[in-house]
Amino acid sequence: MNYGPIKHFTDIEAWKLARELRIAVYKIIKKLPTEEKYDLVSQMRRAAISCPANIAEGYGRFHYSPC
């Protein structure tokens, strides 16, 4: 693990893990039975995308705040 200075949100280890989680969720979605897909797929995709997006947004707010 690299604990040096963070120059971009893509350097954050949690963001990297969240991205891996998103990829894993998409692989799981492909294996779901058809009757489960209609209820779960949309929610699972939104949640998987939300994790890395929230980390990036938080970095932006912290890094670029006027304080």
N, C-alpha and C. Protein backbone atom coordinates (compact mmCIF):
# COMPACT_ATOMS: atom_id res chain seq x y z
N MET A 1 0.84 -1.19 0.00
CA MET A 1 0.00 0.00 0.00
C MET A 1 0.87 1.24 0.00
N ASN A 2 0.42 2.21 -0.75
CA ASN A 2 1.15 3.46 -0.84
C ASN A 2 0.48 4.49 0.07
N TYR A 3 1.18 4.95 1.07
CA TYR A 3 0.64 5.94 2.00
C TYR A 3 1.26 7.32 1.77
N GLY A 4 1.75 7.57 0.58
CA GLY A 4 2.33 8.86 0.26
C GLY A 4 1.25 9.91 0.07
N PRO A 5 1.63 11.07 -0.40
CA PRO A 5 0.65 12.15 -0.59
C PRO A 5 -0.40 11.76 -1.63
N ILE A 6 -1.62 12.16 -1.35
CA ILE A 6 -2.73 11.87 -2.26
C ILE A 6 -2.90 13.08 -3.18
N LYS A 7 -2.65 12.87 -4.45
CA LYS A 7 -2.74 13.95 -5.42
C LYS A 7 -4.04 13.91 -6.20
N HIS A 8 -4.73 12.78 -6.15
CA HIS A 8 -5.97 12.61 -6.89
C HIS A 8 -6.80 11.57 -6.16
N PHE A 9 -8.12 11.63 -6.30
CA PHE A 9 -8.94 10.66 -5.57
C PHE A 9 -8.65 9.22 -5.98
N THR A 10 -8.10 9.02 -7.17
CA THR A 10 -7.77 7.66 -7.61
C THR A 10 -6.59 7.09 -6.84
N ASP A 11 -5.90 7.92 -6.06
CA ASP A 11 -4.80 7.45 -5.21
C ASP A 11 -5.30 6.89 -3.88
N ILE A 12 -6.57 7.12 -3.56
CA ILE A 12 -7.13 6.69 -2.27
C ILE A 12 -7.40 5.20 -2.32
N GLU A 13 -6.88 4.48 -1.34
CA GLU A 13 -7.03 3.02 -1.31
C GLU A 13 -8.50 2.61 -1.23
N ALA A 14 -9.30 3.33 -0.46
CA ALA A 14 -10.73 3.00 -0.35
C ALA A 14 -11.43 3.14 -1.70
N TRP A 15 -11.05 4.12 -2.51
CA TRP A 15 -11.64 4.29 -3.83
C TRP A 15 -11.27 3.10 -4.72
N LYS A 16 -10.02 2.65 -4.63
CA LYS A 16 -9.59 1.50 -5.42
C LYS A 16 -10.38 0.25 -5.03
N LEU A 17 -10.59 0.05 -3.74
CA LEU A 17 -11.35 -1.10 -3.27
C LEU A 17 -12.82 -1.00 -3.68
N ALA A 18 -13.38 0.19 -3.62
CA ALA A 18 -14.76 0.40 -4.03
C ALA A 18 -14.93 0.11 -5.52
N ARG A 19 -13.93 0.45 -6.30
CA ARG A 19 -13.97 0.15 -7.74
C ARG A 19 -13.93 -1.35 -7.98
N GLU A 20 -13.11 -2.06 -7.22
CA GLU A 20 -13.08 -3.52 -7.32
C GLU A 20 -14.42 -4.12 -6.90
N LEU A 21 -15.03 -3.55 -5.86
CA LEU A 21 -16.34 -4.01 -5.42
C LEU A 21 -17.37 -3.83 -6.54
N ARG A 22 -17.32 -2.69 -7.21
CA ARG A 22 -18.26 -2.43 -8.31
C ARG A 22 -18.12 -3.49 -9.39
N ILE A 23 -16.90 -3.83 -9.74
CA ILE A 23 -16.66 -4.85 -10.76
C ILE A 23 -17.19 -6.20 -10.30
N ALA A 24 -16.97 -6.54 -9.04
CA ALA A 24 -17.45 -7.81 -8.49
C ALA A 24 -18.99 -7.86 -8.50
N VAL A 25 -19.62 -6.76 -8.14
CA VAL A 25 -21.09 -6.71 -8.14
C VAL A 25 -21.62 -6.92 -9.54
N TYR A 26 -21.01 -6.31 -10.54
CA TYR A 26 -21.46 -6.48 -11.91
C TYR A 26 -21.31 -7.94 -12.36
N LYS A 27 -20.27 -8.62 -11.89
CA LYS A 27 -20.10 -10.04 -12.23
C LYS A 27 -21.18 -10.88 -11.56
N ILE A 28 -21.51 -10.55 -10.31
CA ILE A 28 -22.55 -11.28 -9.59
C ILE A 28 -23.91 -11.08 -10.26
N ILE A 29 -24.17 -9.85 -10.70
CA ILE A 29 -25.44 -9.54 -11.36
C ILE A 29 -25.66 -10.45 -12.56
N LYS A 30 -24.62 -10.71 -13.32
CA LYS A 30 -24.73 -11.57 -14.50
C LYS A 30 -25.15 -12.99 -14.14
N LYS A 31 -24.86 -13.43 -12.92
CA LYS A 31 -25.15 -14.79 -12.49
C LYS A 31 -26.51 -14.93 -11.80
N LEU A 32 -27.19 -13.83 -11.55
CA LEU A 32 -28.48 -13.90 -10.86
C LEU A 32 -29.54 -14.58 -11.73
N PRO A 33 -30.44 -15.31 -11.11
CA PRO A 33 -31.56 -15.88 -11.87
C PRO A 33 -32.42 -14.76 -12.45
N THR A 34 -33.04 -15.02 -13.57
CA THR A 34 -33.83 -13.99 -14.26
C THR A 34 -34.88 -13.37 -13.36
N GLU A 35 -35.57 -14.16 -12.56
CA GLU A 35 -36.64 -13.62 -11.72
C GLU A 35 -36.10 -12.68 -10.64
N GLU A 36 -34.84 -12.81 -10.26
CA GLU A 36 -34.23 -11.93 -9.27
C GLU A 36 -33.72 -10.63 -9.90
N LYS A 37 -33.38 -10.69 -11.16
CA LYS A 37 -32.76 -9.53 -11.80
C LYS A 37 -33.66 -8.30 -11.80
N TYR A 38 -34.93 -8.48 -12.02
CA TYR A 38 -35.81 -7.32 -12.14
C TYR A 38 -35.90 -6.52 -10.85
N ASP A 39 -35.84 -7.19 -9.73
CA ASP A 39 -35.96 -6.50 -8.45
C ASP A 39 -34.64 -5.96 -7.92
N LEU A 40 -33.55 -6.63 -8.20
CA LEU A 40 -32.29 -6.31 -7.54
C LEU A 40 -31.27 -5.57 -8.39
N VAL A 41 -31.26 -5.81 -9.69
CA VAL A 41 -30.17 -5.32 -10.52
C VAL A 41 -30.01 -3.81 -10.46
N SER A 42 -31.07 -3.08 -10.62
CA SER A 42 -30.98 -1.62 -10.63
C SER A 42 -30.43 -1.09 -9.30
N GLN A 43 -30.95 -1.62 -8.21
CA GLN A 43 -30.50 -1.18 -6.89
C GLN A 43 -29.04 -1.55 -6.65
N MET A 44 -28.65 -2.75 -7.05
CA MET A 44 -27.26 -3.18 -6.86
C MET A 44 -26.30 -2.33 -7.68
N ARG A 45 -26.68 -2.01 -8.91
CA ARG A 45 -25.81 -1.17 -9.76
C ARG A 45 -25.66 0.23 -9.16
N ARG A 46 -26.76 0.81 -8.73
CA ARG A 46 -26.69 2.16 -8.15
C ARG A 46 -25.82 2.17 -6.90
N ALA A 47 -25.96 1.16 -6.06
CA ALA A 47 -25.16 1.08 -4.84
C ALA A 47 -23.67 0.90 -5.17
N ALA A 48 -23.37 0.05 -6.14
CA ALA A 48 -21.98 -0.22 -6.51
C ALA A 48 -21.32 1.02 -7.12
N ILE A 49 -22.07 1.78 -7.87
CA ILE A 49 -21.54 3.01 -8.48
C ILE A 49 -21.40 4.10 -7.42
N SER A 50 -22.33 4.11 -6.47
CA SER A 50 -22.35 5.15 -5.44
C SER A 50 -21.10 5.15 -4.56
N CYS A 51 -20.58 3.98 -4.25
CA CYS A 51 -19.42 3.90 -3.34
C CYS A 51 -18.21 4.68 -3.86
N PRO A 52 -17.66 4.36 -5.03
CA PRO A 52 -16.50 5.13 -5.50
C PRO A 52 -16.86 6.58 -5.82
N ALA A 53 -18.09 6.81 -6.26
CA ALA A 53 -18.50 8.18 -6.58
C ALA A 53 -18.53 9.06 -5.32
N ASN A 54 -19.01 8.50 -4.22
CA ASN A 54 -19.05 9.27 -2.97
C ASN A 54 -17.65 9.57 -2.45
N ILE A 55 -16.74 8.64 -2.61
CA ILE A 55 -15.35 8.87 -2.18
C ILE A 55 -14.74 10.00 -3.01
N ALA A 56 -14.96 9.95 -4.32
CA ALA A 56 -14.44 11.00 -5.20
C ALA A 56 -15.05 12.36 -4.87
N GLU A 57 -16.35 12.37 -4.61
CA GLU A 57 -17.01 13.63 -4.26
C GLU A 57 -16.48 14.19 -2.94
N GLY A 58 -16.30 13.31 -1.96
CA GLY A 58 -15.76 13.75 -0.68
C GLY A 58 -14.36 14.30 -0.81
N TYR A 59 -13.55 13.66 -1.64
CA TYR A 59 -12.20 14.15 -1.88
C TYR A 59 -12.26 15.55 -2.49
N GLY A 60 -13.13 15.72 -3.46
CA GLY A 60 -13.26 17.02 -4.12
C GLY A 60 -13.67 18.11 -3.15
N ARG A 61 -14.60 17.81 -2.27
CA ARG A 61 -15.05 18.80 -1.30
C ARG A 61 -13.95 19.15 -0.31
N PHE A 62 -13.21 18.15 0.12
CA PHE A 62 -12.13 18.38 1.09
C PHE A 62 -10.96 19.08 0.42
N HIS A 63 -10.57 18.59 -0.73
CA HIS A 63 -9.36 19.09 -1.39
C HIS A 63 -9.53 20.51 -1.92
N TYR A 64 -10.71 20.81 -2.40
CA TYR A 64 -10.92 22.12 -3.03
C TYR A 64 -11.72 23.09 -2.17
N SER A 65 -11.91 22.76 -0.90
CA SER A 65 -12.65 23.68 -0.02
C SER A 65 -11.78 24.91 0.28
N PRO A 66 -12.41 26.07 0.44
CA PRO A 66 -11.66 27.31 0.66
C PRO A 66 -11.03 27.41 2.03
N CYS A 67 -11.28 26.47 2.93
CA CYS A 67 -10.74 26.55 4.29
C CYS A 67 -9.25 26.29 4.32
